[in-house]
Structures are given as structure tokens and as C-alpha cells.
């Protein structure tokens, strides 16, 4: 049986790590660009990559928050598709999973 306290701790630690990364990305995105045209173009491309990483981080944070809410509401580990229990192995690999493997397909 899944230890929900450990899951909460794991999710909380991951959310904290992601928060630090998102803050670092925000800081880098606020840095002024070079006045050199070539460097400016390269920096703009880099910003696009950083924005994608930031978006992915924020998305994962939202998924973690939703998982923590499900833990509090005692619905964690229940597939939103079929209502069956999500296998522990799936939850260990993806602790914020909302569906079982069959429904995820």
C-alpha cells in the first residue's frame, strides 16, 4: 500500500525544486539583451527555450498541486477515467498521474 505521507513529501520537494527553477528562469528572462544584433537574435532564441521550460515547470507544479488536493480529499490514486485504482508502480513513476495505464492510452 502506498504511503501517502511519503508521496506528499516527494511531491512537496519536487514542487519546491520546480519553484526554484522557475524563479531562476524568470530572473534570466528579465536580463537585458545585448545591443549586438547577432547576439540579440541568439539571446531571443534562448528566451524561447527558457519560456518553454518555464511553462513546463509551471504545468508540473499545477499537476502536483492537484495531486496534493486529491490526497487531502482522499481521492488520490483513483483513475479519473474508469474509477479503478491506479497501480502503485504508475504512481511511483508519475506521482501526479490521474489515470491508470489503460485509460492513459
N, C-alpha and C. Protein backbone atom coordinates (compact mmCIF):
# COMPACT_ATOMS: atom_id res chain seq x y z
N UNK A 1 0.84 -1.19 0.00
CA UNK A 1 0.00 0.00 0.00
C UNK A 1 0.88 1.25 0.00
N UNK A 2 0.46 2.24 -0.72
CA UNK A 2 1.20 3.48 -0.88
C UNK A 2 1.21 4.27 0.43
N UNK A 3 2.37 4.76 0.81
CA UNK A 3 2.50 5.61 1.98
C UNK A 3 2.26 7.05 1.53
N UNK A 4 1.08 7.58 1.84
CA UNK A 4 0.70 8.91 1.36
C UNK A 4 1.56 10.02 1.96
N UNK A 5 2.07 9.81 3.15
CA UNK A 5 2.96 10.83 3.75
C UNK A 5 4.24 10.95 2.93
N UNK A 6 4.77 9.81 2.47
CA UNK A 6 5.97 9.84 1.64
C UNK A 6 5.67 10.47 0.29
N UNK A 7 4.50 10.16 -0.25
CA UNK A 7 4.10 10.75 -1.54
C UNK A 7 3.98 12.25 -1.39
N UNK A 8 3.34 12.71 -0.32
CA UNK A 8 3.22 14.16 -0.08
C UNK A 8 4.59 14.81 0.03
N UNK A 9 5.50 14.17 0.76
CA UNK A 9 6.84 14.72 0.93
C UNK A 9 7.57 14.79 -0.41
N UNK A 10 7.45 13.72 -1.20
CA UNK A 10 8.10 13.67 -2.51
C UNK A 10 7.54 14.76 -3.42
N UNK A 11 6.22 14.90 -3.44
CA UNK A 11 5.59 15.92 -4.27
C UNK A 11 5.97 17.32 -3.79
N UNK A 12 5.98 17.52 -2.49
CA UNK A 12 6.35 18.82 -1.94
C UNK A 12 7.77 19.20 -2.30
N UNK A 13 8.69 18.24 -2.20
CA UNK A 13 10.10 18.50 -2.55
C UNK A 13 10.23 18.82 -4.03
N UNK A 14 9.52 18.08 -4.87
CA UNK A 14 9.58 18.33 -6.32
C UNK A 14 9.02 19.71 -6.64
N UNK A 15 7.92 20.08 -5.98
CA UNK A 15 7.33 21.38 -6.23
C UNK A 15 8.28 22.50 -5.80
N UNK A 16 8.97 22.29 -4.70
CA UNK A 16 9.93 23.29 -4.24
C UNK A 16 11.08 23.44 -5.24
N UNK A 17 11.60 22.31 -5.73
CA UNK A 17 12.67 22.35 -6.74
C UNK A 17 12.21 23.07 -7.99
N UNK A 18 11.02 22.75 -8.44
CA UNK A 18 10.48 23.40 -9.64
C UNK A 18 10.29 24.90 -9.42
N UNK A 19 9.85 25.27 -8.24
CA UNK A 19 9.67 26.69 -7.92
C UNK A 19 10.98 27.45 -8.02
N UNK A 20 12.06 26.85 -7.52
CA UNK A 20 13.38 27.48 -7.60
C UNK A 20 13.79 27.62 -9.06
N UNK A 21 13.58 26.56 -9.86
CA UNK A 21 13.95 26.62 -11.27
C UNK A 21 13.15 27.68 -12.02
N UNK A 22 11.86 27.75 -11.76
CA UNK A 22 11.02 28.74 -12.43
C UNK A 22 11.47 30.14 -12.05
N UNK A 23 11.81 30.35 -10.78
CA UNK A 23 12.31 31.66 -10.35
C UNK A 23 13.62 32.01 -11.07
N UNK A 24 14.51 31.04 -11.22
CA UNK A 24 15.77 31.28 -11.92
C UNK A 24 15.52 31.63 -13.39
N UNK A 25 14.60 30.93 -13.99
CA UNK A 25 14.25 31.21 -15.39
C UNK A 25 13.69 32.61 -15.52
N UNK A 26 12.78 32.97 -14.62
CA UNK A 26 12.21 34.33 -14.63
C UNK A 26 13.30 35.37 -14.53
N UNK A 27 14.26 35.12 -13.66
CA UNK A 27 15.37 36.07 -13.48
C UNK A 27 16.16 36.20 -14.78
N UNK A 28 16.45 35.05 -15.42
CA UNK A 28 17.21 35.08 -16.67
C UNK A 28 16.43 35.79 -17.78
N UNK A 29 15.13 35.60 -17.81
CA UNK A 29 14.32 36.24 -18.84
C UNK A 29 14.25 37.76 -18.67
N UNK A 30 14.45 38.23 -17.46
CA UNK A 30 14.40 39.67 -17.20
C UNK A 30 15.72 40.37 -17.53
N UNK A 31 16.77 39.59 -17.74
CA UNK A 31 18.07 40.17 -18.05
C UNK A 31 17.99 40.92 -19.39
N UNK A 32 18.60 42.10 -19.47
CA UNK A 32 18.58 42.83 -20.74
C UNK A 32 19.38 42.11 -21.82
N UNK A 33 18.94 42.28 -23.05
CA UNK A 33 19.62 41.66 -24.19
C UNK A 33 20.78 42.53 -24.64
N UNK A 34 21.69 41.90 -25.34
CA UNK A 34 22.85 42.57 -25.89
C UNK A 34 22.42 43.57 -26.97
N UNK A 35 23.22 44.60 -27.19
CA UNK A 35 22.94 45.58 -28.24
C UNK A 35 23.40 45.06 -29.60
N UNK A 36 24.27 44.05 -29.60
CA UNK A 36 24.76 43.46 -30.85
C UNK A 36 23.63 42.65 -31.49
N UNK A 37 23.36 42.91 -32.77
CA UNK A 37 22.25 42.27 -33.47
C UNK A 37 22.34 40.75 -33.46
N UNK A 38 23.52 40.21 -33.77
CA UNK A 38 23.71 38.76 -33.81
C UNK A 38 23.50 38.11 -32.45
N UNK A 39 24.08 38.71 -31.45
CA UNK A 39 23.93 38.19 -30.09
C UNK A 39 22.50 38.33 -29.63
N UNK A 40 21.86 39.42 -29.99
CA UNK A 40 20.47 39.65 -29.60
C UNK A 40 19.57 38.56 -30.17
N UNK A 41 19.80 38.18 -31.43
CA UNK A 41 19.00 37.13 -32.06
C UNK A 41 19.19 35.81 -31.34
N UNK A 42 20.43 35.49 -30.99
CA UNK A 42 20.72 34.25 -30.27
C UNK A 42 20.06 34.27 -28.90
N UNK A 43 20.13 35.41 -28.22
CA UNK A 43 19.52 35.53 -26.90
C UNK A 43 18.01 35.39 -26.99
N UNK A 44 17.41 35.92 -28.05
CA UNK A 44 15.96 35.78 -28.23
C UNK A 44 15.56 34.33 -28.41
N UNK A 45 16.36 33.58 -29.17
CA UNK A 45 16.09 32.15 -29.34
C UNK A 45 16.21 31.43 -28.00
N UNK A 46 17.21 31.82 -27.22
CA UNK A 46 17.39 31.24 -25.89
C UNK A 46 16.21 31.53 -24.99
N UNK A 47 15.67 32.74 -25.13
CA UNK A 47 14.49 33.11 -24.34
C UNK A 47 13.30 32.22 -24.66
N UNK A 48 13.15 31.87 -25.94
CA UNK A 48 12.04 30.99 -26.33
C UNK A 48 12.18 29.63 -25.66
N UNK A 49 13.39 29.13 -25.59
CA UNK A 49 13.64 27.85 -24.92
C UNK A 49 13.33 27.98 -23.44
N UNK A 50 13.81 29.06 -22.83
CA UNK A 50 13.55 29.28 -21.40
C UNK A 50 12.06 29.41 -21.12
N UNK A 51 11.34 30.09 -21.98
CA UNK A 51 9.90 30.24 -21.79
C UNK A 51 9.20 28.88 -21.85
N UNK A 52 9.66 28.01 -22.75
CA UNK A 52 9.11 26.66 -22.83
C UNK A 52 9.39 25.86 -21.57
N UNK A 53 10.61 25.99 -21.04
CA UNK A 53 10.96 25.30 -19.80
C UNK A 53 10.15 25.84 -18.62
N UNK A 54 9.96 27.15 -18.61
CA UNK A 54 9.17 27.76 -17.55
C UNK A 54 7.73 27.26 -17.60
N UNK A 55 7.16 27.22 -18.80
CA UNK A 55 5.78 26.75 -18.96
C UNK A 55 5.64 25.30 -18.50
N UNK A 56 6.61 24.46 -18.87
CA UNK A 56 6.58 23.06 -18.46
C UNK A 56 6.69 22.93 -16.94
N UNK A 57 7.55 23.75 -16.34
CA UNK A 57 7.69 23.74 -14.88
C UNK A 57 6.41 24.17 -14.18
N UNK A 58 5.80 25.22 -14.68
CA UNK A 58 4.55 25.70 -14.07
C UNK A 58 3.43 24.68 -14.25
N UNK A 59 3.41 24.00 -15.40
CA UNK A 59 2.41 22.97 -15.63
C UNK A 59 2.59 21.82 -14.64
N UNK A 60 3.84 21.40 -14.43
CA UNK A 60 4.09 20.32 -13.47
C UNK A 60 3.72 20.75 -12.05
N UNK A 61 4.01 21.99 -11.70
CA UNK A 61 3.62 22.50 -10.37
C UNK A 61 2.11 22.41 -10.21
N UNK A 62 1.36 22.79 -11.23
CA UNK A 62 -0.10 22.71 -11.15
C UNK A 62 -0.57 21.26 -11.00
N UNK A 63 0.08 20.34 -11.70
CA UNK A 63 -0.28 18.93 -11.57
C UNK A 63 0.02 18.41 -10.16
N UNK A 64 1.11 18.85 -9.59
CA UNK A 64 1.48 18.45 -8.23
C UNK A 64 0.47 19.00 -7.24
N UNK A 65 0.10 20.26 -7.41
CA UNK A 65 -0.91 20.86 -6.51
C UNK A 65 -2.22 20.08 -6.58
N UNK A 66 -2.61 19.69 -7.79
CA UNK A 66 -3.84 18.92 -7.95
C UNK A 66 -3.72 17.56 -7.26
N UNK A 67 -2.55 16.94 -7.35
CA UNK A 67 -2.33 15.65 -6.69
C UNK A 67 -2.41 15.80 -5.18
N UNK A 68 -1.81 16.86 -4.65
CA UNK A 68 -1.87 17.11 -3.21
C UNK A 68 -3.31 17.35 -2.76
N UNK A 69 -4.09 18.01 -3.58
CA UNK A 69 -5.51 18.22 -3.27
C UNK A 69 -6.24 16.88 -3.25
N UNK A 70 -5.93 16.00 -4.23
CA UNK A 70 -6.56 14.68 -4.26
C UNK A 70 -6.20 13.87 -3.01
N UNK A 71 -4.96 14.02 -2.54
CA UNK A 71 -4.57 13.33 -1.31
C UNK A 71 -5.44 13.82 -0.16
N UNK A 72 -5.59 15.11 -0.04
CA UNK A 72 -6.41 15.68 1.05
C UNK A 72 -7.87 15.25 0.95
N UNK A 73 -8.37 15.14 -0.26
CA UNK A 73 -9.77 14.75 -0.47
C UNK A 73 -9.95 13.22 -0.49
N UNK A 74 -8.85 12.51 -0.27
CA UNK A 74 -8.85 11.04 -0.24
C UNK A 74 -9.30 10.41 -1.56
N UNK A 75 -9.00 11.10 -2.66
CA UNK A 75 -9.30 10.53 -3.97
C UNK A 75 -8.02 10.26 -4.76
N UNK A 76 -6.88 10.39 -4.11
CA UNK A 76 -5.59 10.15 -4.76
C UNK A 76 -5.48 8.67 -5.12
N UNK A 77 -4.99 8.42 -6.33
CA UNK A 77 -4.78 7.05 -6.75
C UNK A 77 -5.98 6.41 -7.40
N UNK A 78 -7.05 7.18 -7.59
CA UNK A 78 -8.25 6.67 -8.26
C UNK A 78 -8.27 7.25 -9.67
N UNK A 79 -8.41 6.37 -10.65
CA UNK A 79 -8.39 6.78 -12.06
C UNK A 79 -9.59 7.67 -12.36
N UNK A 80 -9.31 8.81 -12.98
CA UNK A 80 -10.40 9.73 -13.35
C UNK A 80 -11.17 9.23 -14.56
N UNK A 81 -10.63 8.23 -15.25
CA UNK A 81 -11.31 7.69 -16.42
C UNK A 81 -12.28 6.58 -16.08
N UNK A 82 -11.79 5.57 -15.35
CA UNK A 82 -12.61 4.39 -15.11
C UNK A 82 -13.00 4.21 -13.65
N UNK A 83 -12.39 4.98 -12.75
CA UNK A 83 -12.72 4.88 -11.33
C UNK A 83 -12.00 3.77 -10.59
N UNK A 84 -11.16 3.01 -11.29
CA UNK A 84 -10.38 1.95 -10.65
C UNK A 84 -9.14 2.56 -10.00
N UNK A 85 -8.49 1.78 -9.14
CA UNK A 85 -7.25 2.24 -8.52
C UNK A 85 -6.13 2.28 -9.55
N UNK A 86 -5.33 3.33 -9.47
CA UNK A 86 -4.14 3.44 -10.33
C UNK A 86 -3.06 2.57 -9.69
N UNK A 87 -2.41 1.70 -10.47
CA UNK A 87 -1.37 0.84 -9.90
C UNK A 87 -0.27 1.64 -9.21
N UNK A 88 0.22 1.09 -8.10
CA UNK A 88 1.26 1.77 -7.32
C UNK A 88 2.49 2.07 -8.16
N UNK A 89 2.86 1.15 -9.03
CA UNK A 89 4.04 1.37 -9.87
C UNK A 89 3.91 2.61 -10.73
N UNK A 90 2.71 2.84 -11.25
CA UNK A 90 2.47 4.05 -12.05
C UNK A 90 2.57 5.28 -11.19
N UNK A 91 2.01 5.23 -9.99
CA UNK A 91 2.06 6.39 -9.10
C UNK A 91 3.47 6.65 -8.60
N UNK A 92 4.27 5.59 -8.45
CA UNK A 92 5.66 5.80 -8.05
C UNK A 92 6.44 6.48 -9.17
N UNK A 93 6.14 6.09 -10.42
CA UNK A 93 6.83 6.68 -11.56
C UNK A 93 6.32 8.08 -11.87
N UNK A 94 5.02 8.29 -11.72
CA UNK A 94 4.39 9.57 -12.03
C UNK A 94 3.39 9.88 -10.91
N UNK A 95 3.89 10.45 -9.81
CA UNK A 95 3.06 10.61 -8.62
C UNK A 95 1.82 11.49 -8.78
N UNK A 96 1.76 12.25 -9.86
CA UNK A 96 0.57 13.08 -10.06
C UNK A 96 -0.31 12.53 -11.17
N UNK A 97 -0.13 11.25 -11.50
CA UNK A 97 -0.96 10.61 -12.52
C UNK A 97 -2.43 10.65 -12.11
N UNK A 98 -3.29 10.90 -13.09
CA UNK A 98 -4.73 10.95 -12.81
C UNK A 98 -5.47 9.78 -13.43
N UNK A 99 -4.76 9.01 -14.26
CA UNK A 99 -5.41 7.87 -14.92
C UNK A 99 -4.54 6.61 -14.80
N UNK A 100 -5.21 5.48 -14.91
CA UNK A 100 -4.48 4.22 -14.97
C UNK A 100 -3.85 4.10 -16.35
N UNK A 101 -3.03 3.09 -16.55
CA UNK A 101 -2.33 2.90 -17.81
C UNK A 101 -3.33 2.71 -18.96
N UNK A 102 -4.36 1.90 -18.73
CA UNK A 102 -5.33 1.64 -19.79
C UNK A 102 -6.04 2.92 -20.23
N UNK A 103 -6.47 3.73 -19.30
CA UNK A 103 -7.17 4.97 -19.65
C UNK A 103 -6.22 6.01 -20.24
N UNK A 104 -4.95 5.94 -19.86
CA UNK A 104 -3.96 6.89 -20.40
C UNK A 104 -3.70 6.63 -21.87
N UNK A 105 -3.94 5.39 -22.31
CA UNK A 105 -3.71 5.06 -23.73
C UNK A 105 -4.72 5.78 -24.55
